[in-house]
Each structure stands twice: as structure tokens, then as C-alpha cells.
Amino acid sequence: MTLPLKLSPIIHVLGLLLVALAITMMIPALVEAQMVDTLPLEFIFSAAVTGFFGLMAVLATRDDGDFTLDLKQAFLLTALSWIVLPAFAALPLMGLGLNEDVGFSYTDAVFETVSGLTTTGSTVISGLDDLLPGLLLWRSLLNWIGGVGIIVMAIIMLPFLRIGGMQLFRTESSDKSEKIIPKATEMVQWITGVYVGLTAACALGYLVTGMNGFDAINHAMATLATGGFSTHDSSFGGYGQATQWVGIVFMLAGGLPFIAFIKFLRGRHRALIDDPQIQAFLKFLVWVILGSAILLMADQHIGFFDALTMAAFNIVSIVTTTGFASADYTLWGTGAIAGFFLLTFMGGCAGSTAGGIKVYRFQVLWITMREQMLRLNSPNRVVILRYHGTRMPDDLPLSVLAFLAIFFASTAVITLLLAMMDIDFVTALSAAATAITNVGPGLGDMIGPAGNFATLPDSAKWLLSFAMLLGRLEVFTLLMLFDPHFWRD
């Protein structure tokens, strides 16, 4: 067996990413030095280690010639980027250079950074209110960096890789592997500009409605990234309704396709109205929120606006896979628990920071089911599958069905493995679901919205870290690496 992959371009890019990560570590270091007037050794040591390995990788591959990627290299680079970065991003959380009583085990640190970069929002940390400000900012930065990385991957890489039906969103930026880098440059600039602008607007909204500056910036980064990391154990439980509505608006923004924002800014002013994903996404949310608010009024004996705010914030948070919580919705009754569990799988739009199955896959599934029923009624009828008036690629229904099959099979396998670790079934099932959908909180007293993942065994944390990466990389990108045929000519 031979290895056909030319690894030098992949190693070079990974090295550049590690250098960028080391530089980024200086941001929370400077903030911490300013806020608590101490030397942020955990970031200095971590940046030195990360930068060293990054520079070695860059220097070792600097004379390799032109940078091009074929299909296999693109798969490998996409997967390795999301594996290598959390491994080094975990170092500051271990408290390198600080007192041995400060910091977390490598298992907990990796779980937290994988959760941050995949914008899952599950946490093993309690006592957030007393955590060093640099570490709080680092968690939020990981959310934010992961969010923009997810958008770039979804718009540029995944359509090119034809994963899970993403070929439906192919653009001129993803037509050929050799042209990925030059064609993608302008798109990345637009994505970054929109992302930064929305984050700044969100931070301003939080600041105006009562958050202090530090909390506003941290929560804004986590909100746009639909990451859900908060600076407080109570998440949004301590903030008023105005602040929660700011969160609702910008969680929704994070769950919308960023390509629609770019089209809008480039003069196509109906892009946000005409997009079929956005239409279905918002209609679904309106009906679910209104129905839940009415039920909450009767069950909790509260006014309509209070019920609407509570329902809207927590439902939008789960559907967009953000994971913020303003209340423990598991106390709303068995129906609410079942409802929130099902909403865990929904997800936002393709090309957003949200995880989950994604709206367009449900739309494609519905179109495919309708076509099958038409064929059963009229076997000789010719049916052309169309999405928003455009003929769907022939392989699209199969791609979506294959994705859904492996998605739910992976959830089942992870649930079984967690249960074999003596974790109760509700916790095991909801942990598997919330990890692979990148939502954050699960169900039950242990990992519900009022708990965290700290008490799970280390083996479960490593398994869930794998599940978070699996879900974030749209399943196939990571599983392809385990296929022996991938490594052969």
C-alpha cells in the first residue's frame, strides 16, 4: 500500500495556523495583564510552545513550491485543522507556568477547546464567575474563531467536497481544487467583514441593555458563533429581557446563511427574503415559539410577553445550536423535555455558524419523499426534483439520505458506548445528540442546562470530543480518514 498524498502543503498550512493561534493567545494575555495586573504565564508559555511547533512546520516545508490541493488533500487538511488546533489551544487552560492548583487536566482542557472551536458550548468548568479573565476571553475567542472557520468551511470547502448535499451550494469559489486559494480570497474577506460587523453590533446591543464591556464582548463573540460560552455559570439567567432579545436577534443572525448577508451587501436586497432556507427556518421558529409561549402561559401562570421571551430565547438558542440558557427548561414538564430534545437535531441554515442537521436537508428530504409518493401513484410519470426553482443535482437526494443515515447511526453508536461506561440512558442519549449536533447542554441533572460535563469519566469526554468534531465536520469529512481506500491510489 502506498500513500499518494503529498503532505507538505498540508503540514505547511497547519504550521501557519499554529503560528496564528500562538499570536492570538497574546490577546487574552494582554487583557488579563491589564485587568488583574499579573503576568499571564499560562498564555506566554502556551504561545511559545504553539509558536515553536508552528514555525518548525512552516520552515520544514517552505521550499516545496506552488500550493495546490487535490481532493484527498482537501479532505485531510480540513479534518486535521480541526484536530490539531484544539490540541494546542488547550494548553492555556492547563495553567502552564502557574501554580499546580490552577488549571485543568489535559482531558478537560481538550474537551473545553474542542467544544469551543466546534461552537458546541458544552463545558466542564464550574465557577466561571471566579475564572481568570484571560481564560474567559480565550474561551469566547475559541467560539468566535471556530464560528468564522465553520462559515469558510461551509461556503468554500464542503461544496467542493460534495459532503451531505452541500454541492447544492457550490459557488465559483469551490469549482476546482487547484483554484480554491485564489478564488476564495475575496469570499473570505467578505465573510470576515460581515462576521466582524455583526459581532460589533451585537456587543453594542448587549452594552446598551445592561452588560458591562467585558461581558458584552465575550457574549457577542459566543452569540454570533452560536457557541454558547458564557462568562457566568448562570449563562443568561441573570440578564433582563432586553438583553435576551438582543441575544435572540443575533443568535438568529448566526443561524442564517452568511452568503445571503454578502449578497445583500452587494446589492441583491431581496437575498434575505427570497432564500428558501431562511423562509422555512423563520416560519418554523415562529410557529414553535408561539405555541410554546401559549403553553408556558398556562403552565407557569405568567404573562404573554414573559412567556414569549422565555420561549423565544431558549428555543432559538437550541435550534441555532448556541446553547445559552435563561432558564432550566427541563423543569417545564415532560412535553418540553421531549420537544427540546427533538429541536436539538434541527440546526440552522447551511453556510451559517449553526450545527445540527440543517434546514435545507429537511427540505430536500421532503422534496424526495413527495417525489416518491408521486411515482407510487403514477409510475410512468417523469418527476424533476427542484429546489427553489432550480433542478437539483442528480446525486443530491442520495447524498442527503446517506448523511442522515450515518448521522443517526453515529448518534446511536455513541449513545451505546456512553451507556457502556455506566452513564444513565437519558444522559448518554442527550450527550451523544448534543455533541454531534454541536448544541451544548443535554438533558438530566448532570449535563442539563443547569449542569455541566465535569462529572463524566475521562473516557466519555474523549468520546464526546470526537463526536463534536464528527458533527462539526459534517460526519463524512472525519470518517473518510478511517476508510483504507482513502489512503490508496
Protein backbone atom coordinates (compact mmCIF):
# COMPACT_ATOMS: atom_id res chain seq x y z
CA MET A 1 0.00 0.00 0.00
CA THR A 2 1.33 3.46 -0.88
CA LEU A 3 0.46 6.87 0.43
CA PRO A 4 -0.40 9.03 -2.59
CA LEU A 5 -0.92 12.15 -0.54
CA LYS A 6 1.64 14.90 -0.80
CA LEU A 7 1.74 16.04 2.82
CA SER A 8 3.99 19.10 2.57
CA PRO A 9 1.22 21.60 1.67
CA ILE A 10 -0.94 20.23 4.48
CA ILE A 11 1.85 20.49 7.05
CA HIS A 12 2.69 23.99 5.83
CA VAL A 13 -0.88 25.22 6.32
CA LEU A 14 -1.13 23.55 9.72
CA GLY A 15 2.09 25.30 10.73
CA LEU A 16 0.72 28.66 9.64
CA LEU A 17 -2.46 28.02 11.60
CA LEU A 18 -0.46 27.19 14.73
CA VAL A 19 1.59 30.39 14.37
CA ALA A 20 -1.66 32.36 14.03
CA LEU A 21 -3.04 30.57 17.10
CA ALA A 22 0.08 31.47 19.12
CA ILE A 23 -0.28 35.13 18.15
CA THR A 24 -3.97 35.04 19.07
CA MET A 25 -3.06 33.80 22.55
CA MET A 26 -1.48 37.19 23.20
CA ILE A 27 -4.89 38.90 23.08
CA PRO A 28 -6.24 37.32 26.32
CA ALA A 29 -2.73 37.61 27.78
CA LEU A 30 -2.77 41.39 27.36
CA VAL A 31 -6.33 41.65 28.68
CA GLU A 32 -5.52 39.56 31.73
CA ALA A 33 -2.37 41.57 32.45
CA GLN A 34 -4.43 44.76 32.30
CA MET A 35 -7.40 43.54 34.36
CA VAL A 36 -5.68 41.66 37.19
CA ASP A 37 -2.19 43.21 36.99
CA THR A 38 -0.37 39.85 36.91
CA LEU A 39 1.92 38.20 34.40
CA PRO A 40 -0.23 35.82 32.27
CA LEU A 41 2.26 32.96 32.29
CA GLU A 42 -0.28 30.39 31.12
CA PHE A 43 -0.61 32.23 27.80
CA ILE A 44 3.06 33.12 27.44
CA PHE A 45 4.20 29.51 27.89
CA SER A 46 1.40 28.17 25.68
CA ALA A 47 2.10 30.68 22.91
CA ALA A 48 5.80 29.78 23.00
CA VAL A 49 5.11 26.06 22.65
CA THR A 50 2.46 26.52 19.96
CA GLY A 51 4.54 29.03 18.00
CA PHE A 52 7.62 26.77 18.12
CA PHE A 53 5.84 23.78 16.60
CA GLY A 54 4.12 26.02 14.07
CA LEU A 55 7.35 27.66 12.93
CA MET A 56 9.11 24.30 12.64
CA ALA A 57 6.33 23.03 10.40
CA VAL A 58 6.41 26.15 8.23
CA LEU A 59 10.21 26.19 7.88
CA ALA A 60 10.37 22.49 7.09
CA THR A 61 8.01 22.90 4.14
CA ARG A 62 8.82 26.42 2.94
CA ASP A 63 10.64 25.38 -0.28
CA ASP A 64 8.03 22.96 -1.52
CA GLY A 65 6.85 25.07 -4.46
CA ASP A 66 3.34 26.11 -5.53
CA PHE A 67 0.46 25.43 -3.18
CA THR A 68 -2.27 23.26 -4.68
CA LEU A 69 -4.77 20.83 -3.21
CA ASP A 70 -6.35 17.77 -4.72
CA LEU A 71 -9.49 16.14 -3.34
CA LYS A 72 -7.76 13.88 -0.82
CA GLN A 73 -5.51 16.67 0.43
CA ALA A 74 -8.54 18.91 0.91
CA PHE A 75 -10.27 16.22 2.99
CA LEU A 76 -7.17 15.65 5.10
CA LEU A 77 -6.39 19.32 5.65
CA THR A 78 -9.97 20.11 6.65
CA ALA A 79 -10.05 17.28 9.19
CA LEU A 80 -6.56 17.81 10.61
CA SER A 81 -7.10 21.54 11.09
CA TRP A 82 -9.96 20.84 13.48
CA ILE A 83 -7.96 18.15 15.30
CA VAL A 84 -4.59 19.86 15.67
CA LEU A 85 -5.78 23.33 16.71
CA PRO A 86 -7.77 22.18 19.79
CA ALA A 87 -4.79 20.07 20.90
CA PHE A 88 -2.67 23.25 21.21
CA ALA A 89 -5.49 25.64 22.13
CA ALA A 90 -6.00 23.54 25.27
CA LEU A 91 -2.60 24.50 26.72
CA PRO A 92 -3.62 27.81 28.40
CA LEU A 93 -6.46 26.07 30.24
CA MET A 94 -3.91 23.72 31.80
CA GLY A 95 -2.34 26.73 33.56
CA LEU A 96 1.17 26.23 32.17
CA GLY A 97 3.68 28.15 34.29
CA LEU A 98 1.17 28.79 37.09
CA ASN A 99 0.63 27.16 40.46
CA GLU A 100 -0.19 23.45 40.09
CA ASP A 101 -3.55 24.08 41.77
CA VAL A 102 -4.52 26.34 38.86
CA GLY A 103 -5.63 24.78 35.60
CA PHE A 104 -7.37 21.69 34.33
CA SER A 105 -6.29 18.25 33.23
CA TYR A 106 -5.41 17.83 29.57
CA THR A 107 -8.59 15.80 29.07
CA ASP A 108 -10.78 18.59 30.43
CA ALA A 109 -8.80 21.25 28.58
CA VAL A 110 -9.13 19.44 25.25
CA PHE A 111 -12.85 18.84 25.81
CA GLU A 112 -13.34 22.56 26.52
CA THR A 113 -11.34 23.71 23.48
CA VAL A 114 -12.96 21.19 21.13
CA SER A 115 -16.31 22.39 22.43
CA GLY A 116 -15.23 25.99 21.89
CA LEU A 117 -13.82 25.66 18.38
CA THR A 118 -16.71 23.48 17.20
CA THR A 119 -19.06 26.09 18.76
CA THR A 120 -20.77 23.35 20.76
CA GLY A 121 -20.72 25.17 24.10
CA SER A 122 -20.60 22.13 26.39
CA THR A 123 -18.37 22.86 29.35
CA VAL A 124 -16.57 21.08 32.16
CA ILE A 125 -15.90 24.32 34.04
CA SER A 126 -17.90 25.49 37.04
CA GLY A 127 -17.15 28.69 38.93
CA LEU A 128 -16.92 30.77 35.75
CA ASP A 129 -17.53 33.94 37.76
CA ASP A 130 -14.17 33.40 39.52
CA LEU A 131 -12.15 32.25 36.50
CA LEU A 132 -9.23 34.39 35.32
CA PRO A 133 -10.46 36.97 32.79
CA GLY A 134 -7.88 35.85 30.25
CA LEU A 135 -9.24 32.31 30.29
CA LEU A 136 -12.81 33.56 29.96
CA LEU A 137 -11.81 35.64 26.94
CA TRP A 138 -9.87 32.70 25.49
CA ARG A 139 -12.99 30.52 25.62
CA SER A 140 -15.00 33.22 23.85
CA LEU A 141 -12.26 33.72 21.25
CA LEU A 142 -12.27 29.98 20.56
CA ASN A 143 -16.02 30.18 19.94
CA TRP A 144 -15.56 33.17 17.66
CA ILE A 145 -12.63 31.74 15.69
CA GLY A 146 -14.43 28.44 15.31
CA GLY A 147 -17.55 30.21 14.06
CA VAL A 148 -15.84 32.06 11.23
CA GLY A 149 -13.86 28.92 10.39
CA ILE A 150 -17.10 26.97 10.09
CA ILE A 151 -18.57 29.55 7.70
CA VAL A 152 -15.48 29.48 5.49
CA MET A 153 -15.51 25.67 5.51
CA ALA A 154 -19.24 25.51 4.70
CA ILE A 155 -19.12 28.03 1.85
CA ILE A 156 -15.78 27.17 0.25
CA MET A 157 -14.67 23.65 1.21
CA LEU A 158 -17.74 21.46 1.81
CA PRO A 159 -19.49 22.22 -1.52
CA PHE A 160 -16.25 21.30 -3.28
CA LEU A 161 -16.02 18.07 -1.24
CA ARG A 162 -19.70 17.28 -2.05
CA ILE A 163 -20.48 16.27 1.54
CA GLY A 164 -24.01 15.64 2.76
CA GLY A 165 -25.71 17.53 -0.04
CA MET A 166 -23.56 20.65 0.26
CA GLN A 167 -22.97 20.51 -3.52
CA LEU A 168 -26.30 22.34 -3.71
CA PHE A 169 -24.40 25.46 -2.62
CA ARG A 170 -21.43 25.28 -4.95
CA THR A 171 -20.13 28.70 -5.95
CA GLU A 172 -17.38 29.90 -8.24
CA SER A 173 -15.14 29.72 -5.17
CA SER A 174 -15.41 25.92 -4.98
CA ASP A 175 -15.25 24.71 -8.56
CA LYS A 176 -11.79 23.15 -8.69
CA SER A 177 -9.30 22.23 -6.02
CA GLU A 178 -6.40 23.97 -7.77
CA LYS A 179 -8.32 27.24 -7.67
CA ILE A 180 -9.51 27.11 -4.08
CA ILE A 181 -6.98 29.56 -2.68
CA PRO A 182 -7.06 32.40 -5.24
CA LYS A 183 -10.81 32.15 -5.81
CA ALA A 184 -11.55 32.02 -2.09
CA THR A 185 -9.66 35.16 -1.09
CA GLU A 186 -12.40 37.65 -1.89
CA MET A 187 -15.07 35.45 -0.33
CA VAL A 188 -13.07 35.11 2.91
CA GLN A 189 -12.73 38.89 3.07
CA TRP A 190 -16.48 39.35 2.72
CA ILE A 191 -17.23 36.64 5.30
CA THR A 192 -14.80 38.20 7.78
CA GLY A 193 -16.18 41.69 7.25
CA VAL A 194 -19.79 40.62 7.79
CA TYR A 195 -18.83 38.49 10.79
CA VAL A 196 -16.88 41.28 12.49
CA GLY A 197 -19.63 43.82 11.77
CA LEU A 198 -22.38 41.64 13.25
CA THR A 199 -20.24 40.84 16.29
CA ALA A 200 -19.62 44.55 16.93
CA ALA A 201 -23.34 45.32 16.58
CA CYS A 202 -24.19 42.51 18.98
CA ALA A 203 -21.65 43.73 21.55
CA LEU A 204 -23.10 47.24 21.33
CA GLY A 205 -26.61 45.85 21.83
CA TYR A 206 -25.52 43.97 24.92
CA LEU A 207 -23.70 47.01 26.27
CA VAL A 208 -26.75 49.26 25.82
CA THR A 209 -29.06 46.75 27.53
CA GLY A 210 -27.04 46.34 30.70
CA MET A 211 -23.94 44.18 30.25
CA ASN A 212 -20.54 45.54 31.20
CA GLY A 213 -17.97 45.90 28.44
CA PHE A 214 -16.10 42.67 29.15
CA ASP A 215 -19.25 40.55 29.29
CA ALA A 216 -20.69 42.26 26.21
CA ILE A 217 -17.65 41.44 24.07
CA ASN A 218 -17.42 37.87 25.31
CA HIS A 219 -21.12 37.14 24.85
CA ALA A 220 -21.18 38.83 21.44
CA MET A 221 -18.42 36.54 20.16
CA ALA A 222 -20.19 33.47 21.53
CA THR A 223 -23.57 34.62 20.17
CA LEU A 224 -22.55 35.19 16.53
CA ALA A 225 -20.57 31.95 16.59
CA THR A 226 -23.65 30.19 18.05
CA GLY A 227 -21.13 28.82 20.54
CA GLY A 228 -22.85 29.45 23.86
CA PHE A 229 -19.84 30.01 26.13
CA SER A 230 -20.78 32.48 28.86
CA THR A 231 -18.72 34.29 31.49
CA HIS A 232 -21.19 33.26 34.21
CA ASP A 233 -22.43 29.90 35.48
CA SER A 234 -25.99 31.18 35.20
CA SER A 235 -25.49 31.95 31.49
CA PHE A 236 -28.25 34.48 30.59
CA GLY A 237 -30.25 33.77 33.75
CA GLY A 238 -29.05 36.97 35.38
CA TYR A 239 -29.84 39.32 32.49
CA GLY A 240 -33.06 41.15 31.70
CA GLN A 241 -35.47 40.66 28.84
CA ALA A 242 -33.98 43.44 26.70
CA THR A 243 -30.59 41.72 26.78
CA GLN A 244 -32.21 38.40 25.96
CA TRP A 245 -33.94 39.87 22.89
CA VAL A 246 -30.60 41.19 21.66
CA GLY A 247 -29.34 37.64 22.05
CA ILE A 248 -32.33 36.26 20.14
CA VAL A 249 -31.75 38.61 17.19
CA PHE A 250 -28.05 37.83 16.86
CA MET A 251 -28.38 34.10 17.51
CA LEU A 252 -30.78 34.14 14.56
CA ALA A 253 -28.21 36.09 12.55
CA GLY A 254 -25.62 33.44 13.35
CA GLY A 255 -28.02 30.73 12.19
CA LEU A 256 -28.68 32.35 8.79
CA PRO A 257 -26.56 31.69 5.67
CA PHE A 258 -23.79 34.27 5.54
CA ILE A 259 -23.78 34.14 1.76
CA ALA A 260 -27.21 35.83 1.94
CA PHE A 261 -25.74 38.68 4.01
CA ILE A 262 -22.95 39.06 1.45
CA LYS A 263 -25.43 39.12 -1.45
CA PHE A 264 -27.50 41.72 0.40
CA LEU A 265 -24.48 43.97 0.92
CA ARG A 266 -23.51 43.58 -2.73
CA GLY A 267 -26.83 44.98 -3.88
CA ARG A 268 -29.20 42.00 -4.02
CA HIS A 269 -31.56 43.45 -1.44
CA ARG A 270 -34.06 40.58 -1.57
CA ALA A 271 -31.40 37.96 -0.76
CA LEU A 272 -32.51 37.69 2.86
CA ILE A 273 -36.17 37.47 1.87
CA ASP A 274 -36.05 35.11 -1.11
CA ASP A 275 -33.72 32.47 0.32
CA PRO A 276 -35.81 29.27 0.76
CA GLN A 277 -33.76 28.18 3.77
CA ILE A 278 -34.38 31.45 5.59
CA GLN A 279 -38.10 31.36 4.80
CA ALA A 280 -38.52 27.81 6.14
CA PHE A 281 -36.25 28.45 9.13
CA LEU A 282 -38.08 31.57 10.32
CA LYS A 283 -41.58 30.17 9.69
CA PHE A 284 -40.73 27.08 11.71
CA LEU A 285 -39.39 29.14 14.59
CA VAL A 286 -42.39 31.49 14.66
CA TRP A 287 -44.88 28.64 14.97
CA VAL A 288 -42.86 26.70 17.55
CA ILE A 289 -42.20 29.78 19.69
CA LEU A 290 -45.80 30.99 19.65
CA GLY A 291 -47.11 27.53 20.50
CA SER A 292 -44.59 27.14 23.32
CA ALA A 293 -45.37 30.60 24.71
CA ILE A 294 -49.08 29.78 24.91
CA LEU A 295 -48.33 26.52 26.72
CA LEU A 296 -45.94 28.32 29.11
CA MET A 297 -48.60 30.90 29.96
CA ALA A 298 -50.94 28.14 31.07
CA ASP A 299 -48.31 26.02 32.82
CA GLN A 300 -46.20 28.71 34.53
CA HIS A 301 -49.03 31.23 35.06
CA ILE A 302 -47.09 34.14 33.57
CA GLY A 303 -47.94 36.93 31.13
CA PHE A 304 -47.71 36.56 27.36
CA PHE A 305 -44.59 38.70 26.86
CA ASP A 306 -42.72 36.93 29.68
CA ALA A 307 -43.68 33.57 28.21
CA LEU A 308 -42.78 34.73 24.68
CA THR A 309 -39.34 35.94 25.80
CA MET A 310 -38.61 32.77 27.74
CA ALA A 311 -39.76 30.51 24.90
CA ALA A 312 -38.08 32.53 22.15
CA PHE A 313 -34.69 32.77 23.84
CA ASN A 314 -34.36 29.11 24.78
CA ILE A 315 -35.87 27.72 21.57
CA VAL A 316 -33.74 29.95 19.32
CA SER A 317 -30.71 29.02 21.41
CA ILE A 318 -31.30 25.29 20.90
CA VAL A 319 -32.37 25.41 17.25
CA THR A 320 -29.38 27.57 16.27
CA THR A 321 -27.22 25.22 18.39
CA THR A 322 -25.98 28.13 20.52
CA GLY A 323 -26.62 26.60 23.93
CA PHE A 324 -27.27 29.70 26.02
CA ALA A 325 -29.99 29.28 28.64
CA SER A 326 -32.12 31.79 30.52
CA ALA A 327 -33.98 29.12 32.49
CA ASP A 328 -33.88 25.39 33.18
CA TYR A 329 -36.39 24.29 30.54
CA THR A 330 -36.24 20.69 31.80
CA LEU A 331 -38.49 21.89 34.64
CA TRP A 332 -41.25 22.84 32.19
CA GLY A 333 -42.61 19.30 32.03
CA THR A 334 -42.10 16.06 30.12
CA GLY A 335 -43.51 17.54 26.91
CA ALA A 336 -40.96 20.35 26.99
CA ILE A 337 -38.11 17.91 27.57
CA ALA A 338 -39.18 15.84 24.55
CA GLY A 339 -39.66 18.97 22.46
CA PHE A 340 -36.23 20.40 23.25
CA PHE A 341 -34.61 17.03 22.55
CA LEU A 342 -36.17 16.96 19.07
CA LEU A 343 -35.20 20.59 18.45
CA THR A 344 -31.60 19.62 19.19
CA PHE A 345 -31.41 17.94 15.77
CA MET A 346 -32.87 20.82 13.74
CA GLY A 347 -29.94 23.18 13.27
CA GLY A 348 -29.72 26.41 11.30
CA CYS A 349 -29.07 27.13 7.64
CA ALA A 350 -26.20 25.87 5.51
CA GLY A 351 -23.37 28.39 5.43
CA SER A 352 -24.11 29.62 8.96
CA THR A 353 -22.26 29.05 12.21
CA ALA A 354 -25.02 26.72 13.45
CA GLY A 355 -24.66 22.95 13.70
CA GLY A 356 -27.34 20.28 13.56
CA ILE A 357 -28.82 18.59 10.51
CA LYS A 358 -29.54 21.93 8.76
CA VAL A 359 -32.77 23.26 7.27
CA TYR A 360 -32.00 22.52 3.63
CA ARG A 361 -31.61 18.80 4.33
CA PHE A 362 -35.12 18.64 5.72
CA GLN A 363 -36.31 20.50 2.63
CA VAL A 364 -34.51 18.09 0.29
CA LEU A 365 -35.87 15.16 2.28
CA TRP A 366 -39.42 16.49 1.92
CA ILE A 367 -38.98 17.04 -1.84
CA THR A 368 -37.61 13.50 -2.22
CA MET A 369 -40.47 11.99 -0.21
CA ARG A 370 -43.05 13.90 -2.24
CA GLU A 371 -41.43 12.73 -5.48
CA GLN A 372 -41.51 9.12 -4.28
CA MET A 373 -45.23 9.38 -3.47
CA LEU A 374 -45.91 10.82 -6.93
CA ARG A 375 -44.07 7.90 -8.51
CA LEU A 376 -46.07 5.40 -6.46
CA ASN A 377 -49.32 6.99 -7.66
CA SER A 378 -48.12 7.41 -11.27
CA PRO A 379 -45.23 5.00 -12.03
CA ASN A 380 -44.74 6.32 -15.56
CA ARG A 381 -44.71 9.96 -14.56
CA VAL A 382 -41.47 11.89 -15.06
CA VAL A 383 -40.73 13.97 -11.99
CA ILE A 384 -37.96 16.57 -11.95
CA LEU A 385 -36.72 17.46 -8.48
CA ARG A 386 -36.35 21.19 -7.99
CA TYR A 387 -35.07 23.27 -5.09
CA HIS A 388 -36.20 26.89 -5.18
CA GLY A 389 -36.99 26.60 -8.88
CA THR A 390 -33.61 25.11 -9.79
CA ARG A 391 -33.15 21.50 -10.80
CA MET A 392 -31.35 19.62 -8.06
CA PRO A 393 -28.12 17.74 -8.86
CA ASP A 394 -28.87 14.08 -9.51
CA ASP A 395 -26.73 12.92 -6.61
CA LEU A 396 -28.20 15.36 -4.10
CA PRO A 397 -31.05 13.21 -2.64
CA LEU A 398 -28.69 10.26 -2.16
CA SER A 399 -26.07 12.49 -0.51
CA VAL A 400 -28.62 13.85 1.96
CA LEU A 401 -30.08 10.42 2.73
CA ALA A 402 -26.58 8.99 3.23
CA PHE A 403 -25.73 11.86 5.56
CA LEU A 404 -28.88 11.35 7.64
CA ALA A 405 -28.27 7.61 7.86
CA ILE A 406 -24.69 7.94 9.10
CA PHE A 407 -25.65 10.90 11.33
CA PHE A 408 -28.25 8.93 13.28
CA ALA A 409 -26.16 5.75 13.22
CA SER A 410 -23.27 7.69 14.77
CA THR A 411 -25.59 9.08 17.44
CA ALA A 412 -26.78 5.56 18.25
CA VAL A 413 -23.24 4.14 18.46
CA ILE A 414 -22.02 6.98 20.69
CA THR A 415 -25.07 6.56 22.93
CA LEU A 416 -24.33 2.84 23.27
CA LEU A 417 -20.66 3.44 24.08
CA LEU A 418 -21.56 6.04 26.72
CA ALA A 419 -24.12 3.69 28.27
CA MET A 420 -21.42 1.01 28.47
CA MET A 421 -19.48 3.46 30.68
CA ASP A 422 -22.28 3.20 33.27
CA ILE A 423 -23.86 6.52 32.25
CA ASP A 424 -27.65 6.51 32.52
CA PHE A 425 -29.58 6.27 29.26
CA VAL A 426 -31.08 9.81 29.25
CA THR A 427 -27.68 11.37 29.90
CA ALA A 428 -25.97 9.09 27.35
CA LEU A 429 -28.55 9.76 24.61
CA SER A 430 -28.74 13.51 25.13
CA ALA A 431 -24.94 13.80 25.47
CA ALA A 432 -24.46 11.97 22.17
CA ALA A 433 -27.13 14.08 20.47
CA THR A 434 -25.93 17.42 21.81
CA ALA A 435 -22.30 16.61 20.91
CA ILE A 436 -22.90 15.53 17.33
CA THR A 437 -25.34 18.40 16.71
CA ASN A 438 -22.99 20.90 18.44
CA VAL A 439 -25.76 22.26 20.67
CA GLY A 440 -24.15 22.25 24.14
CA PRO A 441 -26.46 21.39 27.03
CA GLY A 442 -28.07 17.98 27.26
CA LEU A 443 -30.85 16.63 29.45
CA GLY A 444 -30.95 15.48 33.05
CA ASP A 445 -29.47 16.77 36.28
CA MET A 446 -25.89 16.06 35.25
CA ILE A 447 -25.50 17.70 31.80
CA GLY A 448 -28.76 19.66 31.55
CA PRO A 449 -28.91 23.45 31.18
CA ALA A 450 -28.28 23.80 34.92
CA GLY A 451 -25.31 21.38 34.98
CA ASN A 452 -22.11 20.65 33.06
CA PHE A 453 -19.99 17.74 31.80
CA ALA A 454 -17.36 17.80 34.56
CA THR A 455 -18.55 14.67 36.34
CA LEU A 456 -18.41 12.44 33.26
CA PRO A 457 -15.49 9.97 33.15
CA ASP A 458 -12.46 10.94 31.07
CA SER A 459 -13.21 8.23 28.51
CA ALA A 460 -16.65 9.79 27.94
CA LYS A 461 -15.11 13.23 27.48
CA TRP A 462 -12.72 11.94 24.80
CA LEU A 463 -15.58 10.15 23.04
CA LEU A 464 -17.74 13.26 23.14
CA SER A 465 -14.83 15.37 21.87
CA PHE A 466 -14.67 13.02 18.88
CA ALA A 467 -18.45 13.32 18.46
CA MET A 468 -18.27 17.14 18.49
CA LEU A 469 -15.64 17.06 15.74
CA LEU A 470 -17.67 14.47 13.85
CA GLY A 471 -20.75 16.69 13.85
CA ARG A 472 -18.87 19.87 13.07
CA LEU A 473 -17.10 18.30 10.09
CA GLU A 474 -20.42 17.04 8.67
CA VAL A 475 -19.59 13.43 9.62
CA PHE A 476 -18.07 12.27 6.33
CA THR A 477 -15.03 14.56 6.40
CA LEU A 478 -13.75 12.83 9.52
CA LEU A 479 -14.98 9.30 8.80
CA MET A 480 -13.27 9.32 5.39
CA LEU A 481 -9.92 9.21 7.20
CA PHE A 482 -10.84 5.76 8.59
CA ASP A 483 -11.51 4.33 5.13
CA PRO A 484 -8.47 2.32 3.88
CA HIS A 485 -9.37 3.24 0.28
CA PHE A 486 -8.80 6.89 1.11
CA TRP A 487 -5.08 6.23 1.58
CA ARG A 488 -4.65 4.22 -1.62
CA ASP A 489 -4.16 5.22 -5.24
